[in-house]
Amino acid sequence: MPPREPDRTVEPPLHCDHCGRSVRETQHTRSSYVVDYYSVQGGHGEVCSFAGDDGQRGGTYVKLLDPRELTTCVQCYGKASVQADRDRCFRPERESAAQPGGDR
């Protein structure tokens, strides 16, 4: 009897959020690798901190309130408009600060 493969969930293929092209996972060879896409998670968040075991401040992080993942293929990545879109996703505070009445 052949060995049974464990049940695996098949993930839907990734697509570039800018042009819609299907993208592949990074391909590794013995001496190099080929990247087909870049992914960033961003969105609006709030700054949070946590205390260490000794009661002192342990660290600070940003908790994403409305997480958004942005996938960009290598062809779109170099375009200025795509870089601006990625910056808006990754650093939304820049956009709100640039608007009249925003924090400066």
Protein backbone atom coordinates (compact mmCIF):
# COMPACT_ATOMS: atom_id res chain seq x y z
CA MET A 1 0.00 0.00 0.00
CA PRO A 2 1.50 3.42 -0.96
CA PRO A 3 2.07 5.92 1.86
CA ARG A 4 -0.86 8.22 2.42
CA GLU A 5 -0.28 11.95 1.97
CA PRO A 6 -1.53 14.07 4.87
CA ASP A 7 -4.52 16.23 4.12
CA ARG A 8 -3.24 19.63 3.05
CA THR A 9 -5.23 22.74 2.42
CA VAL A 10 -4.43 24.22 -0.95
CA GLU A 11 -3.85 27.94 -0.72
CA PRO A 12 -5.30 30.07 -3.51
CA PRO A 13 -2.69 31.39 -5.93
CA LEU A 14 -1.35 34.85 -5.15
CA HIS A 15 -1.88 37.70 -7.58
CA CYS A 16 -0.30 41.14 -7.85
CA ASP A 17 -2.68 43.71 -6.34
CA HIS A 18 -1.62 46.25 -8.99
CA CYS A 19 -1.69 44.40 -12.34
CA GLY A 20 -3.42 41.13 -11.39
CA ARG A 21 -0.61 38.87 -12.64
CA SER A 22 -0.28 35.51 -10.91
CA VAL A 23 2.92 35.37 -8.84
CA ARG A 24 5.11 32.44 -7.75
CA GLU A 25 6.84 31.69 -4.47
CA THR A 26 10.57 32.43 -4.29
CA GLN A 27 12.51 29.74 -6.15
CA HIS A 28 15.77 28.61 -4.53
CA THR A 29 18.62 26.83 -6.25
CA ARG A 30 21.94 25.70 -4.90
CA SER A 31 23.65 29.00 -5.72
CA SER A 32 20.90 31.62 -6.10
CA TYR A 33 17.24 32.47 -5.76
CA VAL A 34 14.55 34.18 -7.86
CA VAL A 35 11.98 36.47 -6.23
CA ASP A 36 8.70 36.98 -8.11
CA TYR A 37 6.80 39.18 -5.64
CA TYR A 38 7.01 41.30 -2.49
CA SER A 39 4.40 41.39 0.23
CA VAL A 40 3.81 44.00 2.93
CA GLN A 41 1.27 44.08 5.74
CA GLY A 42 0.10 47.46 6.90
CA GLY A 43 -2.92 49.52 7.81
CA HIS A 44 -3.97 51.84 10.58
CA GLY A 45 -2.76 50.88 14.00
CA GLU A 46 -2.20 51.99 17.54
CA VAL A 47 1.05 52.06 19.45
CA CYS A 48 1.05 49.58 22.34
CA SER A 49 3.66 48.65 24.91
CA PHE A 50 4.13 45.76 27.27
CA ALA A 51 5.92 45.32 30.56
CA GLY A 52 8.78 42.91 31.00
CA ASP A 53 8.97 40.27 33.70
CA ASP A 54 10.72 42.71 36.04
CA GLY A 55 7.88 45.24 35.78
CA GLN A 56 9.85 47.63 33.61
CA ARG A 57 8.71 48.59 30.12
CA GLY A 58 9.55 45.63 27.90
CA GLY A 59 8.88 47.01 24.45
CA THR A 60 6.64 48.88 22.07
CA TYR A 61 4.81 47.64 18.98
CA VAL A 62 2.07 48.73 16.58
CA LYS A 63 -1.18 46.79 16.79
CA LEU A 64 -2.88 46.76 13.38
CA LEU A 65 -6.55 47.72 13.70
CA ASP A 66 -7.44 47.16 10.04
CA PRO A 67 -4.72 44.87 8.63
CA ARG A 68 -4.16 44.93 4.88
CA GLU A 69 -1.77 42.77 2.91
CA LEU A 70 -0.43 44.16 -0.33
CA THR A 71 1.21 41.84 -2.88
CA THR A 72 3.37 43.40 -5.61
CA CYS A 73 5.00 41.55 -8.53
CA VAL A 74 8.60 42.37 -9.44
CA GLN A 75 7.54 44.21 -12.63
CA CYS A 76 5.22 46.59 -10.75
CA TYR A 77 7.55 47.06 -7.77
CA GLY A 78 9.77 49.62 -9.53
CA LYS A 79 6.92 51.91 -10.60
CA ALA A 80 6.63 55.20 -8.67
CA SER A 81 2.83 54.93 -8.38
CA VAL A 82 3.15 51.44 -6.90
CA GLN A 83 5.77 52.60 -4.40
CA ALA A 84 3.42 55.39 -3.32
CA ASP A 85 0.57 52.88 -2.86
CA ARG A 86 2.82 50.62 -0.79
CA ASP A 87 3.92 53.59 1.35
CA ARG A 88 0.26 54.52 1.99
CA CYS A 89 -0.43 50.95 3.09
CA PHE A 90 2.67 50.57 5.23
CA ARG A 91 2.79 54.08 6.72
CA PRO A 92 -0.76 55.50 6.79
CA GLU A 93 0.28 58.14 9.35
CA ARG A 94 2.23 59.95 6.59
CA GLU A 95 -0.95 60.45 4.59
CA SER A 96 -2.98 61.76 7.55
CA ALA A 97 -0.16 64.14 8.56
CA ALA A 98 0.01 65.56 5.03
CA GLN A 99 -3.70 66.42 4.99
CA PRO A 100 -4.84 69.85 6.23
CA GLY A 101 -5.57 69.64 9.95
CA GLY A 102 -3.52 66.42 10.30
CA ASP A 103 -0.90 65.90 12.98
CA ARG A 104 2.47 67.48 12.19
